[in-house]
Protein backbone atom coordinates (compact mmCIF):
# COMPACT_ATOMS: atom_id res chain seq x y z
CA MET A 1 -4.15 -24.99 -5.55
CA LEU A 2 -5.31 -24.94 -1.73
CA LYS A 3 -3.14 -28.05 -1.17
CA SER A 4 -0.24 -26.08 -2.20
CA LEU A 5 -0.92 -23.39 -0.02
CA PHE A 6 -1.58 -24.96 3.09
CA LEU A 7 0.68 -27.94 2.72
CA GLY A 8 3.32 -26.67 0.44
CA GLY A 9 5.66 -24.92 2.79
CA PHE A 10 3.39 -22.26 4.12
CA MET A 11 5.71 -21.13 6.59
CA ARG A 12 9.12 -20.75 4.85
CA CYS A 13 10.86 -17.67 5.80
CA ASP A 14 14.45 -18.12 5.15
CA LYS A 15 14.56 -15.73 2.21
CA MET A 16 12.34 -13.24 4.13
CA SER A 17 14.11 -9.45 4.56
CA SER A 18 13.48 -7.51 7.40
CA PHE A 19 10.95 -4.63 7.02
CA ILE A 20 13.51 -1.73 8.06
CA VAL A 21 11.09 1.00 8.60
CA MET A 22 9.78 -0.88 11.64
CA ASP A 23 13.19 -0.86 13.04
CA ILE A 24 13.50 2.76 12.39
CA VAL A 25 10.20 3.39 14.18
CA ARG A 26 11.61 1.47 17.20
CA GLU A 27 14.88 3.36 17.39
CA ALA A 28 13.05 6.59 16.76
CA LYS A 29 11.26 6.12 20.10
CA LYS A 30 14.41 6.63 22.02
CA TYR A 31 14.10 10.37 21.09
CA ASP A 32 11.55 12.41 22.64
CA ASP A 33 11.95 15.00 20.14
CA ALA A 34 12.03 12.84 17.14
CA VAL A 35 10.47 14.12 13.76
CA HIS A 36 8.85 11.56 11.80
CA PHE A 37 8.77 11.13 8.14
CA GLU A 38 9.23 7.15 8.50
CA ILE A 39 6.09 5.55 8.90
CA GLY A 40 3.25 5.24 6.48
CA GLN A 41 0.27 5.61 8.55
CA PRO A 42 -1.95 8.82 8.74
CA ASP A 43 -2.10 10.87 11.86
CA LEU A 44 -5.65 11.91 11.21
CA PRO A 45 -8.71 10.23 13.08
CA PRO A 46 -11.31 8.53 11.09
CA SER A 47 -14.64 10.38 10.92
CA LYS A 48 -16.47 10.94 14.18
CA ASN A 49 -19.10 8.75 12.56
CA VAL A 50 -16.68 5.80 12.69
CA LYS A 51 -16.01 6.43 16.49
CA LYS A 52 -19.74 6.78 17.36
CA ALA A 53 -20.56 3.48 15.24
CA LEU A 54 -17.73 1.59 17.28
CA HIS A 55 -19.09 2.61 20.65
CA VAL A 56 -22.43 1.41 19.58
CA ALA A 57 -20.77 -2.00 18.51
CA VAL A 58 -19.41 -2.22 21.76
CA ASP A 59 -22.60 -1.47 23.69
CA GLU A 60 -24.57 -4.13 21.53
CA ASN A 61 -21.76 -6.73 22.20
CA ARG A 62 -20.78 -7.10 18.59
CA PHE A 63 -17.91 -9.57 19.64
CA SER A 64 -18.82 -12.64 17.56
CA TYR A 65 -17.38 -13.62 14.31
CA THR A 66 -19.04 -12.56 11.10
CA GLU A 67 -19.19 -15.00 8.11
CA SER A 68 -15.91 -15.32 6.19
CA HIS A 69 -17.07 -12.93 3.42
CA GLY A 70 -17.58 -10.05 6.25
CA LEU A 71 -20.91 -8.07 6.97
CA LEU A 72 -23.09 -7.99 4.17
CA GLU A 73 -23.96 -4.32 4.95
CA LEU A 74 -20.31 -3.18 4.52
CA ARG A 75 -20.06 -5.38 1.24
CA GLU A 76 -23.02 -3.55 0.15
CA LEU A 77 -21.46 -0.11 0.78
CA ILE A 78 -17.99 -1.20 -0.91
CA ALA A 79 -20.01 -2.30 -3.87
CA GLU A 80 -21.93 1.11 -4.00
CA ASP A 81 -18.64 2.77 -3.94
CA TYR A 82 -17.12 0.88 -6.92
CA LEU A 83 -20.16 1.81 -8.85
CA SER A 84 -20.17 5.60 -8.04
CA ARG A 85 -16.48 6.19 -8.43
CA TYR A 86 -15.40 3.82 -11.29
CA GLY A 87 -18.93 2.65 -12.73
CA VAL A 88 -18.07 -0.84 -12.12
CA HIS A 89 -20.83 -3.31 -10.89
CA VAL A 90 -19.27 -5.67 -8.12
CA ASP A 91 -21.40 -8.66 -6.82
CA THR A 92 -21.07 -8.48 -3.02
CA ASN A 93 -20.11 -12.33 -3.41
CA GLN A 94 -16.80 -11.22 -4.81
CA ILE A 95 -16.04 -8.89 -1.67
CA PHE A 96 -14.09 -10.34 1.14
CA LEU A 97 -13.32 -8.27 4.15
CA THR A 98 -9.85 -9.38 5.35
CA PRO A 99 -7.45 -8.53 8.57
CA GLY A 100 -5.58 -5.52 6.86
CA THR A 101 -4.66 -5.72 3.19
CA SER A 102 -1.99 -8.53 4.50
CA GLY A 103 -5.04 -11.28 4.56
CA ALA A 104 -6.06 -9.90 1.23
CA PHE A 105 -2.58 -10.37 -0.40
CA LEU A 106 -2.58 -13.99 0.97
CA ILE A 107 -6.07 -14.86 -0.65
CA ALA A 108 -4.86 -13.32 -3.93
CA TYR A 109 -1.74 -15.30 -3.97
CA GLY A 110 -3.40 -18.69 -2.72
CA LEU A 111 -6.05 -18.29 -5.85
CA SER A 112 -3.58 -17.37 -8.44
CA LEU A 113 -0.23 -19.08 -7.56
CA LYS A 114 0.85 -22.34 -6.60
CA ALA A 115 4.07 -23.27 -4.99
CA PHE A 116 7.24 -22.16 -7.11
CA ALA A 117 4.99 -20.04 -9.32
CA LYS A 118 6.35 -16.77 -10.60
CA LEU A 119 5.07 -13.44 -9.33
CA GLY A 120 6.02 -10.32 -11.23
CA LEU A 121 6.86 -7.31 -9.07
CA SER A 122 8.40 -3.95 -9.76
CA ASP A 123 11.57 -2.89 -8.34
CA PRO A 124 11.13 -0.68 -6.07
CA SER A 125 7.98 -2.04 -4.49
CA TYR A 126 6.15 -2.69 -1.24
CA PRO A 127 8.42 -5.10 0.75
CA CYS A 128 5.66 -7.44 1.93
CA TYR A 129 4.67 -8.63 -1.60
CA LYS A 130 8.01 -10.58 -1.95
CA ASN A 131 7.98 -11.45 1.71
CA PHE A 132 4.48 -12.96 1.57
CA ALA A 133 5.72 -14.70 -1.60
CA TYR A 134 8.61 -16.34 -0.01
CA LEU A 135 6.28 -17.60 2.98
CA LEU A 136 4.25 -19.47 0.31
CA ASP A 137 7.12 -20.66 -1.85
CA ILE A 138 6.46 -18.46 -4.71
CA GLU A 139 9.22 -17.01 -6.71
CA PRO A 140 9.19 -13.26 -7.09
CA VAL A 141 10.50 -11.74 -10.31
CA PHE A 142 11.71 -8.31 -9.91
CA MET A 143 11.39 -5.87 -12.86
CA PRO A 144 13.20 -2.55 -12.48
CA ILE A 145 11.18 0.73 -12.84
CA GLY A 146 12.52 4.40 -12.73
CA LYS A 147 11.81 7.80 -13.69
CA ASP A 148 12.53 7.30 -17.34
CA GLY A 149 9.26 4.83 -17.45
CA ASP A 150 7.48 6.99 -15.09
CA TYR A 151 8.09 4.32 -12.36
CA GLU A 152 5.50 2.27 -14.08
CA LEU A 153 5.92 -1.32 -15.66
CA HIS A 154 4.87 -1.64 -19.17
CA VAL A 155 4.18 -4.64 -21.49
CA GLU A 156 7.84 -4.81 -22.94
CA ASP A 157 9.04 -5.31 -19.34
CA LEU A 158 6.66 -8.45 -18.83
CA LYS A 159 7.50 -10.13 -22.19
CA PRO A 160 10.93 -11.63 -21.34
CA HIS A 161 9.39 -13.43 -18.34
CA LYS A 162 7.08 -16.29 -17.95
CA LEU A 163 4.89 -15.10 -15.17
CA ASP A 164 1.85 -16.65 -13.32
CA ALA A 165 0.82 -13.22 -11.94
CA LEU A 166 1.72 -9.79 -11.91
CA GLN A 167 1.14 -7.49 -8.84
CA ILE A 168 1.21 -3.59 -9.21
CA SER A 169 0.25 -0.69 -6.99
CA SER A 170 -1.44 2.56 -7.89
CA PRO A 171 -0.59 4.97 -6.34
CA ALA A 172 2.38 3.22 -5.50
CA ASN A 173 4.31 2.98 -2.37
CA PRO A 174 7.08 4.22 -2.21
CA THR A 175 7.08 6.42 -5.30
CA GLY A 176 3.62 8.02 -5.35
CA ASN A 177 2.97 7.42 -8.80
CA ILE A 178 -0.22 6.75 -10.62
CA TYR A 179 -0.32 4.22 -13.50
CA SER A 180 -1.81 6.10 -16.62
CA GLU A 181 -5.16 4.74 -18.01
CA GLU A 182 -3.78 3.69 -21.05
CA ASN A 183 -0.90 1.71 -19.55
CA LEU A 184 -2.94 0.08 -16.99
CA LYS A 185 -5.47 -0.91 -19.65
CA GLU A 186 -2.63 -2.29 -21.85
CA LEU A 187 -0.93 -4.46 -18.83
CA ILE A 188 -4.21 -6.07 -18.07
CA GLU A 189 -5.11 -7.06 -21.64
CA TYR A 190 -1.65 -8.53 -21.94
CA CYS A 191 -1.99 -10.57 -18.73
CA ASP A 192 -5.64 -11.48 -19.80
CA SER A 193 -4.27 -12.71 -23.18
CA LYS A 194 -1.39 -14.68 -21.58
CA ASN A 195 -3.30 -16.14 -18.74
CA ILE A 196 -1.33 -14.10 -16.14
CA ALA A 197 -3.36 -13.39 -13.08
CA PHE A 198 -3.66 -9.50 -12.53
CA ILE A 199 -3.25 -8.12 -8.85
CA SER A 200 -4.02 -4.71 -8.16
CA ASP A 201 -3.30 -3.02 -5.11
CA GLU A 202 -5.43 0.15 -4.85
CA LEU A 203 -5.15 0.89 -0.98
CA TYR A 204 -4.12 4.68 -1.65
CA HIS A 205 -7.18 5.26 -4.02
CA GLY A 206 -8.73 8.42 -2.72
CA LEU A 207 -5.45 9.99 -1.91
CA THR A 208 -4.91 11.22 -5.22
CA TYR A 209 -4.31 15.01 -5.76
CA GLU A 210 -4.42 16.16 -9.53
CA SER A 211 -6.50 13.20 -11.08
CA GLU A 212 -8.30 9.99 -10.16
CA ALA A 213 -6.48 6.42 -10.38
CA ASN A 214 -8.26 4.25 -12.17
CA SER A 215 -9.47 0.78 -11.11
CA ALA A 216 -8.26 -2.50 -12.56
CA LEU A 217 -11.95 -3.59 -12.60
CA GLU A 218 -12.60 -1.08 -15.25
CA PHE A 219 -10.76 -2.80 -17.76
CA SER A 220 -11.24 -6.53 -16.60
CA SER A 221 -13.40 -8.81 -14.49
CA ASN A 222 -10.54 -11.10 -13.96
CA ALA A 223 -8.53 -8.83 -11.80
CA PHE A 224 -8.04 -9.41 -8.11
CA VAL A 225 -8.31 -5.94 -6.56
CA ILE A 226 -7.18 -4.96 -3.13
CA ASN A 227 -8.06 -2.04 -0.87
CA GLY A 228 -8.74 -1.19 2.65
CA PHE A 229 -9.50 1.15 5.41
CA SER A 230 -6.01 1.94 6.71
CA LYS A 231 -4.73 5.10 4.64
CA PHE A 232 -7.73 6.97 2.97
CA TYR A 233 -10.19 6.26 5.77
CA CYS A 234 -7.32 6.68 8.57
CA MET A 235 -8.12 3.59 10.26
CA PRO A 236 -4.55 1.79 10.31
CA GLY A 237 -4.94 -0.01 13.61
CA SER A 238 -8.46 -1.44 12.75
CA ARG A 239 -6.75 -3.78 10.64
CA LEU A 240 -9.39 -4.15 8.01
CA GLY A 241 -9.08 -4.43 4.19
CA TRP A 242 -10.74 -6.26 1.53
CA ILE A 243 -10.29 -8.04 -1.64
CA ILE A 244 -12.63 -8.35 -4.66
CA VAL A 245 -11.91 -11.60 -6.68
CA PRO A 246 -13.34 -13.10 -9.75
CA LYS A 247 -16.66 -14.37 -9.70
CA ASN A 248 -15.42 -17.81 -10.50
CA LYS A 249 -13.15 -17.89 -7.66
CA THR A 250 -15.66 -16.89 -4.73
CA ARG A 251 -15.82 -20.31 -3.27
CA GLU A 252 -12.24 -20.86 -3.27
CA ALA A 253 -11.79 -17.59 -1.72
CA GLU A 254 -14.21 -18.19 0.95
CA MET A 255 -12.27 -21.75 1.89
CA ILE A 256 -9.17 -19.77 2.16
CA ALA A 257 -10.57 -17.08 4.21
CA GLN A 258 -11.92 -19.53 6.50
CA ASN A 259 -8.84 -21.38 7.10
CA LEU A 260 -6.53 -18.31 7.44
CA PHE A 261 -8.56 -16.06 9.75
CA ILE A 262 -12.09 -17.16 9.94
CA SER A 263 -13.30 -13.50 9.51
CA ALA A 264 -11.89 -9.88 9.78
CA PRO A 265 -12.12 -8.18 12.92
CA THR A 266 -16.15 -7.68 14.02
CA LEU A 267 -15.79 -4.30 15.70
CA SER A 268 -13.72 -2.94 13.03
CA GLN A 269 -16.33 -3.79 10.38
CA TYR A 270 -18.93 -2.31 12.34
CA GLY A 271 -16.69 0.84 12.48
CA ALA A 272 -16.18 1.04 8.73
CA LEU A 273 -19.82 1.06 8.09
CA LYS A 274 -19.58 4.63 8.75
CA ALA A 275 -16.42 5.34 7.08
CA PHE A 276 -17.78 6.47 3.72
CA ASP A 277 -18.16 9.80 4.86
CA LYS A 278 -17.51 11.98 1.64
CA GLU A 279 -17.49 15.31 3.35
CA TYR A 280 -14.96 14.29 5.92
CA LEU A 281 -12.85 12.15 3.31
CA ASP A 282 -12.81 15.35 1.22
CA GLU A 283 -11.10 17.14 4.14
CA VAL A 284 -8.52 14.17 4.37
CA LYS A 285 -7.76 14.46 1.06
CA GLU A 286 -7.04 18.40 1.13
CA GLU A 287 -4.77 18.07 4.05
CA PHE A 288 -2.74 15.51 2.66
CA LYS A 289 -2.38 17.67 -0.80
CA LYS A 290 -1.28 20.56 1.32
CA ARG A 291 1.23 18.41 3.20
CA ARG A 292 2.53 16.97 -0.09
CA ASP A 293 2.79 20.52 -1.57
CA TYR A 294 4.87 21.71 1.51
CA LEU A 295 7.13 18.85 1.80
CA PHE A 296 7.98 18.60 -2.04
CA THR A 297 8.90 22.33 -2.13
CA GLU A 298 11.16 21.96 0.69
CA LEU A 299 12.87 18.52 0.06
CA SER A 300 13.47 19.71 -3.54
CA LYS A 301 15.76 22.32 -2.08
CA MET A 302 17.92 19.54 -0.65
CA PHE A 303 17.56 16.51 -2.82
CA GLU A 304 16.79 15.51 -6.42
CA ILE A 305 13.07 14.33 -6.69
CA ASP A 306 12.10 12.47 -9.88
CA ALA A 307 8.73 13.55 -10.10
CA LYS A 308 6.15 15.28 -7.73
CA PRO A 309 4.03 12.46 -6.26
CA GLN A 310 0.55 11.92 -7.73
CA GLY A 311 -1.02 10.25 -4.79
CA ALA A 312 -0.38 8.12 -1.49
CA PHE A 313 1.64 10.15 0.95
CA TYR A 314 5.24 9.44 0.21
CA ILE A 315 8.23 11.26 -1.57
CA TRP A 316 11.02 9.31 -3.06
CA ALA A 317 14.00 11.52 -2.74
CA ASP A 318 17.35 10.93 -4.38
CA VAL A 319 20.17 11.49 -1.83
CA SER A 320 23.13 10.71 -3.73
CA LYS A 321 24.43 14.22 -3.61
CA TYR A 322 25.25 13.56 0.09
CA THR A 323 25.67 9.57 -0.01
CA PHE A 324 25.89 6.45 -1.66
CA ASP A 325 24.20 4.32 1.06
CA SER A 326 20.97 5.77 2.01
CA PHE A 327 20.61 3.17 4.92
CA GLU A 328 23.60 4.52 6.75
CA PHE A 329 22.46 8.08 5.76
CA ALA A 330 19.29 7.48 7.58
CA GLN A 331 20.79 6.08 10.46
CA GLU A 332 22.93 9.08 10.57
CA LEU A 333 20.06 11.49 10.27
CA LEU A 334 18.34 9.89 13.27
CA LYS A 335 21.39 9.67 15.60
CA GLU A 336 22.48 13.10 14.74
CA ILE A 337 19.35 15.46 14.49
CA HIS A 338 16.53 12.94 15.36
CA VAL A 339 14.95 12.86 11.95
CA ALA A 340 13.36 9.61 11.04
CA THR A 341 13.24 8.39 7.24
CA THR A 342 12.96 5.02 5.66
CA PRO A 343 16.10 4.00 3.62
CA GLY A 344 15.33 2.86 0.17
CA ILE A 345 16.43 -0.27 0.37
CA ASP A 346 13.52 -1.57 2.15
CA PHE A 347 11.88 -1.27 -1.22
CA GLY A 348 14.32 -3.26 -3.28
CA LEU A 349 17.66 -3.45 -5.02
CA ASN A 350 17.31 -1.17 -8.02
CA GLY A 351 19.25 1.67 -7.48
CA THR A 352 17.47 2.18 -3.87
CA LYS A 353 20.71 2.79 -2.07
CA LYS A 354 20.39 6.33 -3.52
CA TYR A 355 17.13 7.02 -2.12
CA LEU A 356 15.17 7.88 1.14
CA ARG A 357 11.47 7.97 1.36
CA PHE A 358 9.74 10.61 3.28
CA ALA A 359 6.08 10.25 4.58
CA TYR A 360 3.98 13.24 5.05
CA THR A 361 1.78 11.74 7.38
CA ARG A 362 2.32 14.35 10.13
CA GLU A 363 1.16 17.97 10.20
CA ILE A 364 3.10 20.54 8.54
CA GLU A 365 4.25 22.20 11.75
CA HIS A 366 5.97 18.65 12.75
CA MET A 367 7.56 18.48 9.33
CA SER A 368 8.87 21.96 9.39
CA GLU A 369 10.85 21.27 12.45
CA GLY A 370 12.38 18.23 10.61
CA ILE A 371 13.07 20.48 7.19
CA GLU A 372 14.96 23.19 9.54
CA ARG A 373 17.13 20.48 10.96
CA LEU A 374 17.98 18.95 7.77
CA LYS A 375 18.85 22.24 6.26
CA LYS A 376 20.98 23.14 9.01
CA TYR A 377 22.74 19.56 8.98
CA LEU A 378 23.31 19.68 5.24
CA LYS A 379 24.19 23.32 5.45
CA ILE A 380 21.50 24.33 2.75
CA GLY A 381 21.48 28.27 2.24
CA GLN A 382 24.39 28.43 4.60
CA PRO A 383 27.45 30.75 3.56
């Protein structure tokens, strides 16, 4: 397995697709008055306690490597969070701090997939999944999802394919949907019965607005669970994520981590020791809920929206009333009215030309300017 990871075409990139949203971000910088719906990073700062902890770490010269697992004290806090939030006991040796969730994905793929193995993904889904697969000579198997199935994969979707691993995200990017408890349990049980590795991207846990999301670890100790500090904890630039691996995979995970990145950023780890600030995180969640409610209400006046997002901070809007090529439409909106959005084709091929993703990661005052420009440009509410 490790041989295939490091010697079996590790840097193959001929099939990788561009991450279009980053091109949109670059283009939007040309306009001082641009309204930003394109980027999936929170504009809120982390807790003040995180900032204080970072200052202390700098003053104490905390610039050396940590062990590949990461700081034990931080892993203990993560384990405590899983116990209090999900009722799940996690051994700290199962937890690895990683450079963003990107490092976590590479560990998960390295542990569960050999070269040319098959990784099941939904279409649409986060584009980096398939691009990492291509880098590792893994074959992504795309399975369409849509509003009729609540934007969830189901066991029946998996049965026609001979998969080696399945990856889901809940809450999901770009749709904001949450996998139901019953369906998540059924998927995991099916994968366990067929020896299919189950990889659960839970990065947007915490940013849920009507009901909480379930962790895959509630249903199986064999799952690979990925999370991080970029979204809910408002620390995207800290580049700090984590992965929880099954107990029988800890030594292999350690070997992969040592070779890939030695350890996660040390200063970021010391800052994250103060990230579990419940009072502040409750405020973060409430703010994003207000933004979601505002943007959903306003966009619904212009576009078809399959469902109100349950989590994360995205709205997946059907713009086919105005265009059948959302990539060209996104370029048009940016050029003509300086409103930046993400075209759906960033996330797959399953009807995605009809969709734009709007992120509610900026304050309502900023978003309202973009809404007014869109209404005027699309002649909404005008005679």
